N, C-alpha and C. Protein backbone atom coordinates (compact mmCIF):
# COMPACT_ATOMS: atom_id res chain seq x y z
N MET A 1 4.00 143.60 34.40
CA MET A 1 3.63 144.88 33.86
C MET A 1 4.73 145.34 32.92
N LYS A 2 4.35 145.91 31.78
CA LYS A 2 5.32 146.38 30.81
C LYS A 2 5.00 147.81 30.43
N LYS A 3 6.04 148.58 30.14
CA LYS A 3 5.91 149.93 29.64
C LYS A 3 6.74 149.99 28.36
N ASN A 4 6.16 150.48 27.28
CA ASN A 4 6.84 150.52 26.01
C ASN A 4 7.14 151.95 25.60
N PHE A 5 8.30 152.13 24.97
CA PHE A 5 8.76 153.42 24.51
C PHE A 5 9.30 153.26 23.11
N LEU A 6 9.04 154.22 22.25
CA LEU A 6 9.43 154.15 20.85
C LEU A 6 10.74 154.89 20.64
N PHE A 7 11.62 154.32 19.84
CA PHE A 7 12.95 154.85 19.57
C PHE A 7 13.14 154.76 18.07
N ILE A 8 13.30 155.87 17.36
CA ILE A 8 13.41 155.86 15.91
C ILE A 8 14.74 156.48 15.51
N LEU A 9 15.44 155.84 14.59
CA LEU A 9 16.69 156.36 14.07
C LEU A 9 16.49 156.79 12.62
N ILE A 10 16.93 157.99 12.27
CA ILE A 10 16.84 158.50 10.91
C ILE A 10 18.17 159.17 10.59
N GLY A 11 18.65 159.09 9.36
CA GLY A 11 19.89 159.79 9.11
C GLY A 11 20.33 159.93 7.68
N TYR A 12 21.16 160.89 7.40
CA TYR A 12 21.91 161.07 6.17
C TYR A 12 23.34 161.32 6.62
N PHE A 13 24.04 160.25 6.89
CA PHE A 13 25.31 160.29 7.58
C PHE A 13 25.19 161.07 8.87
N PHE A 14 24.01 161.07 9.38
CA PHE A 14 23.72 161.46 10.75
C PHE A 14 22.44 160.72 11.07
N CYS A 15 22.21 160.47 12.30
CA CYS A 15 20.99 159.78 12.69
C CYS A 15 20.27 160.62 13.73
N THR A 16 18.98 160.59 13.68
CA THR A 16 18.16 161.22 14.69
C THR A 16 17.49 160.12 15.48
N VAL A 17 17.46 160.26 16.78
CA VAL A 17 16.81 159.28 17.63
C VAL A 17 15.67 159.96 18.33
N LEU A 18 14.49 159.37 18.25
CA LEU A 18 13.30 159.94 18.85
C LEU A 18 12.76 158.96 19.87
N PHE A 19 12.54 159.44 21.09
CA PHE A 19 11.97 158.63 22.15
C PHE A 19 10.57 159.16 22.42
N LEU A 20 9.57 158.31 22.31
CA LEU A 20 8.21 158.71 22.63
C LEU A 20 7.81 158.03 23.93
N ASN A 21 7.46 158.81 24.91
CA ASN A 21 7.16 158.30 26.24
C ASN A 21 5.68 157.96 26.33
N SER A 22 5.35 156.69 26.53
CA SER A 22 3.95 156.28 26.71
C SER A 22 3.74 155.93 28.18
N TYR A 23 3.89 156.92 29.02
CA TYR A 23 3.86 156.76 30.47
C TYR A 23 2.53 156.18 30.94
N GLN A 24 2.60 155.16 31.79
CA GLN A 24 1.43 154.60 32.44
C GLN A 24 1.69 154.58 33.93
N HIS A 25 0.68 154.83 34.72
CA HIS A 25 0.81 154.74 36.17
C HIS A 25 -0.13 153.64 36.63
N THR A 26 0.39 152.74 37.45
CA THR A 26 -0.43 151.63 37.93
C THR A 26 -0.48 151.66 39.44
N GLU A 27 -1.27 150.77 39.99
CA GLU A 27 -1.37 150.68 41.44
C GLU A 27 -0.04 150.28 42.08
N ASP A 28 0.86 149.70 41.30
CA ASP A 28 2.17 149.32 41.82
C ASP A 28 3.16 150.50 41.84
N GLU A 29 2.73 151.65 41.38
CA GLU A 29 3.56 152.85 41.35
C GLU A 29 4.90 152.60 40.67
N VAL A 30 4.84 152.15 39.44
CA VAL A 30 6.02 151.91 38.64
C VAL A 30 6.00 152.89 37.47
N SER A 31 7.12 153.57 37.24
CA SER A 31 7.16 154.50 36.10
C SER A 31 8.53 154.48 35.45
N LEU A 32 8.55 154.85 34.19
CA LEU A 32 9.76 154.96 33.39
C LEU A 32 9.67 156.26 32.61
N ARG A 33 10.70 157.09 32.74
CA ARG A 33 10.76 158.35 31.98
C ARG A 33 12.11 158.39 31.27
N ILE A 34 12.08 158.85 30.01
CA ILE A 34 13.27 158.96 29.20
C ILE A 34 13.32 160.38 28.64
N SER A 35 14.50 161.05 28.77
CA SER A 35 14.65 162.37 28.17
C SER A 35 16.13 162.59 27.84
N PRO A 36 16.42 163.32 26.77
CA PRO A 36 15.49 164.03 25.91
C PRO A 36 14.76 163.06 24.99
N LEU A 37 13.77 163.58 24.30
CA LEU A 37 13.00 162.75 23.38
C LEU A 37 13.64 162.67 22.00
N LEU A 38 14.72 163.42 21.78
CA LEU A 38 15.36 163.46 20.47
C LEU A 38 16.87 163.60 20.64
N ILE A 39 17.64 162.74 19.98
CA ILE A 39 19.09 162.88 19.92
C ILE A 39 19.53 162.72 18.47
N ASN A 40 20.72 163.22 18.13
CA ASN A 40 21.24 163.14 16.77
C ASN A 40 22.63 162.54 16.76
N PHE A 41 22.94 161.83 15.68
CA PHE A 41 24.30 161.41 15.38
C PHE A 41 24.76 162.31 14.23
N PRO A 42 25.65 163.26 14.49
CA PRO A 42 26.05 164.20 13.43
C PRO A 42 26.88 163.52 12.34
N ALA A 43 26.90 164.11 11.16
CA ALA A 43 27.70 163.60 10.05
C ALA A 43 29.17 163.69 10.42
N ALA A 44 29.95 162.69 10.00
CA ALA A 44 31.38 162.69 10.31
C ALA A 44 32.13 161.82 9.30
N ASP A 45 33.38 162.17 9.06
CA ASP A 45 34.27 161.41 8.19
C ASP A 45 34.67 160.12 8.92
N PRO A 46 34.38 158.95 8.35
CA PRO A 46 34.71 157.69 9.02
C PRO A 46 36.21 157.50 9.29
N ASP A 47 37.06 158.13 8.49
CA ASP A 47 38.50 158.00 8.74
C ASP A 47 38.92 158.73 10.01
N SER A 48 38.33 159.89 10.27
CA SER A 48 38.72 160.66 11.45
C SER A 48 37.80 160.41 12.65
N VAL A 49 36.56 159.95 12.39
CA VAL A 49 35.60 159.67 13.48
C VAL A 49 34.99 158.29 13.22
N PRO A 50 35.68 157.22 13.64
CA PRO A 50 35.17 155.87 13.37
C PRO A 50 33.92 155.52 14.18
N VAL A 51 33.69 156.21 15.30
CA VAL A 51 32.49 155.99 16.12
C VAL A 51 31.89 157.36 16.41
N ILE A 52 30.63 157.54 16.01
CA ILE A 52 29.94 158.82 16.20
C ILE A 52 29.15 158.77 17.50
N SER A 53 29.36 159.77 18.33
CA SER A 53 28.61 159.90 19.58
C SER A 53 27.36 160.73 19.32
N SER A 54 26.25 160.36 19.94
CA SER A 54 25.05 161.18 19.82
C SER A 54 25.30 162.54 20.44
N ASP A 55 24.51 163.53 20.05
CA ASP A 55 24.72 164.89 20.52
C ASP A 55 24.20 165.14 21.93
N SER A 56 23.45 164.20 22.48
CA SER A 56 22.89 164.37 23.83
C SER A 56 22.98 163.07 24.61
N GLN A 57 23.14 163.22 25.90
CA GLN A 57 23.07 162.08 26.80
C GLN A 57 21.59 161.84 27.12
N VAL A 58 21.19 160.59 27.19
CA VAL A 58 19.81 160.23 27.49
C VAL A 58 19.70 159.88 28.97
N ARG A 59 18.75 160.51 29.64
CA ARG A 59 18.51 160.26 31.06
C ARG A 59 17.34 159.31 31.21
N VAL A 60 17.52 158.27 32.01
CA VAL A 60 16.48 157.27 32.26
C VAL A 60 16.14 157.34 33.74
N GLU A 61 14.86 157.51 34.05
CA GLU A 61 14.39 157.54 35.43
C GLU A 61 13.39 156.41 35.64
N ILE A 62 13.70 155.54 36.57
CA ILE A 62 12.86 154.39 36.89
C ILE A 62 12.40 154.55 38.34
N VAL A 63 11.10 154.41 38.57
CA VAL A 63 10.55 154.44 39.92
C VAL A 63 9.81 153.13 40.13
N VAL A 64 10.21 152.41 41.18
CA VAL A 64 9.56 151.14 41.53
C VAL A 64 9.05 151.28 42.95
N GLY A 65 7.73 151.23 43.12
CA GLY A 65 7.11 151.44 44.42
C GLY A 65 6.88 150.18 45.22
N VAL A 66 7.28 149.05 44.67
CA VAL A 66 7.09 147.77 45.37
C VAL A 66 8.45 147.10 45.50
N ALA A 67 8.62 146.32 46.55
CA ALA A 67 9.90 145.65 46.81
C ALA A 67 9.98 144.35 46.00
N ARG A 68 10.25 144.50 44.70
CA ARG A 68 10.36 143.35 43.81
C ARG A 68 11.51 143.57 42.84
N SER A 69 11.92 142.51 42.18
CA SER A 69 12.94 142.62 41.13
C SER A 69 12.35 143.30 39.91
N TRP A 70 13.18 143.99 39.15
CA TRP A 70 12.75 144.66 37.93
C TRP A 70 13.88 144.62 36.90
N ASN A 71 13.52 144.78 35.63
CA ASN A 71 14.53 144.95 34.60
C ASN A 71 14.02 145.84 33.47
N LEU A 72 14.97 146.48 32.83
CA LEU A 72 14.70 147.34 31.67
C LEU A 72 15.40 146.72 30.48
N THR A 73 14.63 146.45 29.42
CA THR A 73 15.20 145.89 28.20
C THR A 73 14.91 146.82 27.03
N VAL A 74 15.68 146.65 25.98
CA VAL A 74 15.48 147.40 24.74
C VAL A 74 15.52 146.40 23.59
N THR A 75 14.57 146.54 22.66
CA THR A 75 14.47 145.62 21.53
C THR A 75 14.37 146.41 20.23
N ALA A 76 15.28 146.15 19.30
CA ALA A 76 15.22 146.76 17.97
C ALA A 76 14.41 145.83 17.07
N ASN A 77 13.58 146.40 16.21
CA ASN A 77 12.74 145.60 15.32
C ASN A 77 13.45 145.19 14.03
N GLY A 78 14.76 145.36 13.97
CA GLY A 78 15.54 144.99 12.79
C GLY A 78 16.65 145.99 12.57
N ASN A 79 17.23 145.94 11.36
CA ASN A 79 18.30 146.87 11.00
C ASN A 79 17.76 148.26 10.73
N LEU A 80 18.65 149.24 10.69
CA LEU A 80 18.26 150.57 10.24
C LEU A 80 17.94 150.47 8.76
N LYS A 81 16.74 150.89 8.38
CA LYS A 81 16.29 150.75 6.99
C LYS A 81 16.40 152.10 6.30
N GLY A 82 17.08 152.10 5.15
CA GLY A 82 17.26 153.32 4.38
C GLY A 82 16.11 153.61 3.45
N ASP A 83 15.96 154.89 3.08
CA ASP A 83 14.87 155.30 2.21
C ASP A 83 15.07 154.82 0.77
N LYS A 84 16.28 154.36 0.42
CA LYS A 84 16.57 153.89 -0.93
C LYS A 84 16.81 152.39 -0.96
N GLY A 85 16.33 151.69 0.06
CA GLY A 85 16.47 150.24 0.12
C GLY A 85 17.73 149.76 0.82
N ALA A 86 18.64 150.65 1.14
CA ALA A 86 19.87 150.25 1.84
C ALA A 86 19.56 150.01 3.32
N PHE A 87 20.49 149.40 4.02
CA PHE A 87 20.32 149.23 5.45
C PHE A 87 21.68 149.34 6.14
N ILE A 88 21.62 149.66 7.42
CA ILE A 88 22.80 149.66 8.29
C ILE A 88 22.49 148.64 9.39
N PRO A 89 23.36 147.66 9.58
CA PRO A 89 23.10 146.69 10.64
C PRO A 89 22.89 147.37 11.99
N ILE A 90 21.83 147.02 12.67
CA ILE A 90 21.47 147.66 13.95
C ILE A 90 22.55 147.43 15.00
N ASN A 91 23.35 146.38 14.85
CA ASN A 91 24.40 146.15 15.84
C ASN A 91 25.54 147.15 15.74
N ASN A 92 25.42 148.14 14.84
CA ASN A 92 26.35 149.26 14.79
C ASN A 92 25.95 150.37 15.76
N VAL A 93 24.81 150.20 16.44
CA VAL A 93 24.37 151.16 17.45
C VAL A 93 24.59 150.52 18.82
N SER A 94 25.34 151.23 19.67
CA SER A 94 25.63 150.73 21.01
C SER A 94 25.41 151.85 22.03
N TRP A 95 25.49 151.50 23.30
CA TRP A 95 25.36 152.51 24.35
C TRP A 95 26.29 152.17 25.51
N THR A 96 26.66 153.22 26.23
CA THR A 96 27.31 153.06 27.53
C THR A 96 26.34 153.62 28.56
N ALA A 97 26.39 153.06 29.76
CA ALA A 97 25.41 153.42 30.78
C ALA A 97 26.10 153.63 32.13
N SER A 98 25.57 154.58 32.88
CA SER A 98 26.06 154.79 34.25
C SER A 98 24.89 155.24 35.11
N PRO A 99 24.89 154.94 36.38
CA PRO A 99 25.90 154.15 37.09
C PRO A 99 25.70 152.66 36.83
N SER A 100 26.77 151.94 37.05
CA SER A 100 26.74 150.50 36.89
C SER A 100 27.14 149.86 38.21
N PRO A 101 26.31 149.04 38.82
CA PRO A 101 24.91 148.79 38.50
C PRO A 101 24.02 149.96 38.92
N PRO A 102 22.79 150.01 38.54
CA PRO A 102 21.99 148.96 37.91
C PRO A 102 22.01 148.98 36.38
N PHE A 103 22.60 150.05 35.78
CA PHE A 103 22.57 150.16 34.32
C PHE A 103 23.73 149.41 33.70
N ILE A 104 23.53 148.93 32.45
CA ILE A 104 24.46 148.02 31.79
C ILE A 104 24.76 148.53 30.38
N ASN A 105 26.03 148.52 29.98
CA ASN A 105 26.42 148.85 28.60
C ASN A 105 25.89 147.78 27.66
N GLY A 106 25.68 148.17 26.39
CA GLY A 106 25.19 147.15 25.46
C GLY A 106 25.21 147.59 24.02
N THR A 107 24.74 146.69 23.17
CA THR A 107 24.65 146.88 21.72
C THR A 107 23.28 146.40 21.27
N LEU A 108 22.66 147.15 20.38
CA LEU A 108 21.35 146.74 19.86
C LEU A 108 21.51 145.51 18.97
N VAL A 109 20.53 144.62 19.03
CA VAL A 109 20.47 143.42 18.22
C VAL A 109 19.05 143.32 17.68
N GLY A 110 18.91 143.12 16.39
CA GLY A 110 17.58 143.05 15.79
C GLY A 110 16.73 141.93 16.34
N MET A 111 15.51 142.26 16.72
CA MET A 111 14.50 141.31 17.16
C MET A 111 14.89 140.52 18.41
N LYS A 112 15.83 141.04 19.19
CA LYS A 112 16.23 140.35 20.42
C LYS A 112 16.37 141.38 21.53
N SER A 113 15.68 141.16 22.63
CA SER A 113 15.75 142.08 23.77
C SER A 113 17.14 142.07 24.38
N GLN A 114 17.62 143.26 24.69
CA GLN A 114 18.91 143.43 25.33
C GLN A 114 18.68 144.06 26.70
N LEU A 115 19.32 143.51 27.71
CA LEU A 115 19.19 144.04 29.05
C LEU A 115 19.91 145.38 29.16
N MET A 116 19.22 146.40 29.65
CA MET A 116 19.79 147.73 29.80
C MET A 116 19.98 148.09 31.28
N ALA A 117 19.15 147.53 32.15
CA ALA A 117 19.28 147.77 33.60
C ALA A 117 18.51 146.69 34.33
N LYS A 118 18.95 146.42 35.58
CA LYS A 118 18.20 145.49 36.42
C LYS A 118 18.47 145.83 37.87
N GLY A 119 17.48 145.53 38.71
CA GLY A 119 17.64 145.81 40.12
C GLY A 119 16.62 145.07 40.96
N GLU A 120 16.72 145.31 42.26
CA GLU A 120 15.80 144.69 43.20
C GLU A 120 15.35 145.73 44.21
N GLY A 121 14.12 145.58 44.65
CA GLY A 121 13.60 146.46 45.68
C GLY A 121 12.97 147.72 45.13
N ASN A 122 12.35 148.47 46.05
CA ASN A 122 11.69 149.69 45.63
C ASN A 122 12.68 150.85 45.70
N GLY A 123 12.32 151.94 45.02
CA GLY A 123 13.16 153.13 45.02
C GLY A 123 13.17 153.81 43.68
N GLU A 124 14.01 154.85 43.60
CA GLU A 124 14.19 155.59 42.36
C GLU A 124 15.58 155.28 41.83
N PHE A 125 15.65 154.96 40.54
CA PHE A 125 16.90 154.59 39.90
C PHE A 125 17.07 155.48 38.67
N THR A 126 18.13 156.27 38.66
CA THR A 126 18.37 157.20 37.56
C THR A 126 19.70 156.88 36.91
N GLY A 127 19.69 156.83 35.58
CA GLY A 127 20.92 156.54 34.84
C GLY A 127 21.07 157.41 33.63
N ASN A 128 22.27 157.42 33.09
CA ASN A 128 22.59 158.17 31.88
C ASN A 128 23.10 157.22 30.82
N LEU A 129 22.58 157.38 29.60
CA LEU A 129 22.96 156.55 28.47
C LEU A 129 23.62 157.43 27.41
N ASN A 130 24.73 156.96 26.88
CA ASN A 130 25.38 157.61 25.74
C ASN A 130 25.30 156.64 24.57
N PHE A 131 24.68 157.08 23.46
CA PHE A 131 24.52 156.22 22.29
C PHE A 131 25.61 156.52 21.28
N PHE A 132 26.02 155.46 20.55
CA PHE A 132 27.10 155.57 19.57
C PHE A 132 26.71 154.83 18.30
N LEU A 133 27.19 155.33 17.16
CA LEU A 133 26.99 154.67 15.87
C LEU A 133 28.36 154.41 15.26
N ALA A 134 28.67 153.15 14.97
CA ALA A 134 29.93 152.81 14.31
C ALA A 134 29.86 153.37 12.88
N ASN A 135 30.77 154.23 12.54
CA ASN A 135 30.77 154.95 11.27
C ASN A 135 31.45 154.11 10.19
N SER A 136 31.04 154.27 8.93
CA SER A 136 31.62 153.50 7.83
C SER A 136 31.41 154.19 6.50
N TRP A 137 32.40 154.04 5.61
CA TRP A 137 32.25 154.54 4.24
C TRP A 137 31.25 153.68 3.46
N TYR A 138 30.94 152.49 3.95
CA TYR A 138 30.04 151.59 3.24
C TYR A 138 28.57 151.98 3.35
N TYR A 139 28.24 152.88 4.27
CA TYR A 139 26.84 153.31 4.40
C TYR A 139 26.48 154.17 3.19
N GLN A 140 25.34 153.86 2.58
CA GLN A 140 24.84 154.70 1.49
C GLN A 140 24.19 155.94 2.08
N ALA A 141 24.34 157.06 1.37
CA ALA A 141 23.69 158.30 1.81
C ALA A 141 22.18 158.09 1.78
N GLY A 142 21.48 158.67 2.72
CA GLY A 142 20.03 158.55 2.78
C GLY A 142 19.54 158.68 4.20
N GLU A 143 18.25 158.49 4.36
CA GLU A 143 17.62 158.50 5.68
C GLU A 143 17.36 157.08 6.11
N TYR A 144 17.64 156.79 7.35
CA TYR A 144 17.47 155.45 7.89
C TYR A 144 16.55 155.52 9.10
N SER A 145 15.75 154.48 9.30
CA SER A 145 14.86 154.47 10.45
C SER A 145 14.68 153.04 10.97
N GLN A 146 14.30 152.98 12.23
CA GLN A 146 13.97 151.70 12.86
C GLN A 146 13.27 151.99 14.17
N THR A 147 12.40 151.12 14.58
CA THR A 147 11.69 151.26 15.84
C THR A 147 12.38 150.41 16.90
N ILE A 148 12.58 151.02 18.05
CA ILE A 148 13.20 150.36 19.19
C ILE A 148 12.22 150.47 20.36
N THR A 149 11.99 149.38 21.06
CA THR A 149 11.04 149.38 22.18
C THR A 149 11.77 149.19 23.50
N PHE A 150 11.52 150.10 24.44
CA PHE A 150 12.03 149.99 25.80
C PHE A 150 10.94 149.36 26.64
N THR A 151 11.27 148.35 27.43
CA THR A 151 10.28 147.68 28.26
C THR A 151 10.78 147.60 29.71
N LEU A 152 10.01 148.16 30.63
CA LEU A 152 10.30 148.05 32.05
C LEU A 152 9.38 146.98 32.62
N ALA A 153 9.95 145.94 33.19
CA ALA A 153 9.17 144.84 33.73
C ALA A 153 9.46 144.68 35.21
N VAL A 154 8.40 144.58 36.01
CA VAL A 154 8.52 144.26 37.44
C VAL A 154 8.22 142.78 37.55
N LEU A 155 9.13 142.03 38.12
CA LEU A 155 9.03 140.57 38.12
C LEU A 155 8.43 140.05 39.41
């Protein structure tokens, strides 16, 4: 079983992240909730702020009603694409996660699923994610976007 969530980044030396929750409930009583649905990376001088922290911490709530292994992955569909044809490599977006385990720190990679959390057994698992953008003078001004998919799988 998979649950998908949309993650969009937009920015002009700031990025906005939008999470759209497509909640499904199944007979296995598995759910994934993400909040807030919107975070921002504020504009900052790369010399004084080489890594920009998002303005909000993201809360992830996983409920698994069956005693089985599960994992949460995140997949970026490519680089951040600018409105003027420029791009920012998606691997400039990373996150830290707590508690560890079951949540795992990581970096986005285009077109490749990255493990964000994993566990075994039934229960409720709640974590906090802090997203970061590596800042650079090489980024062209403009708006950037990309779709990121969160997938909760019960194995």
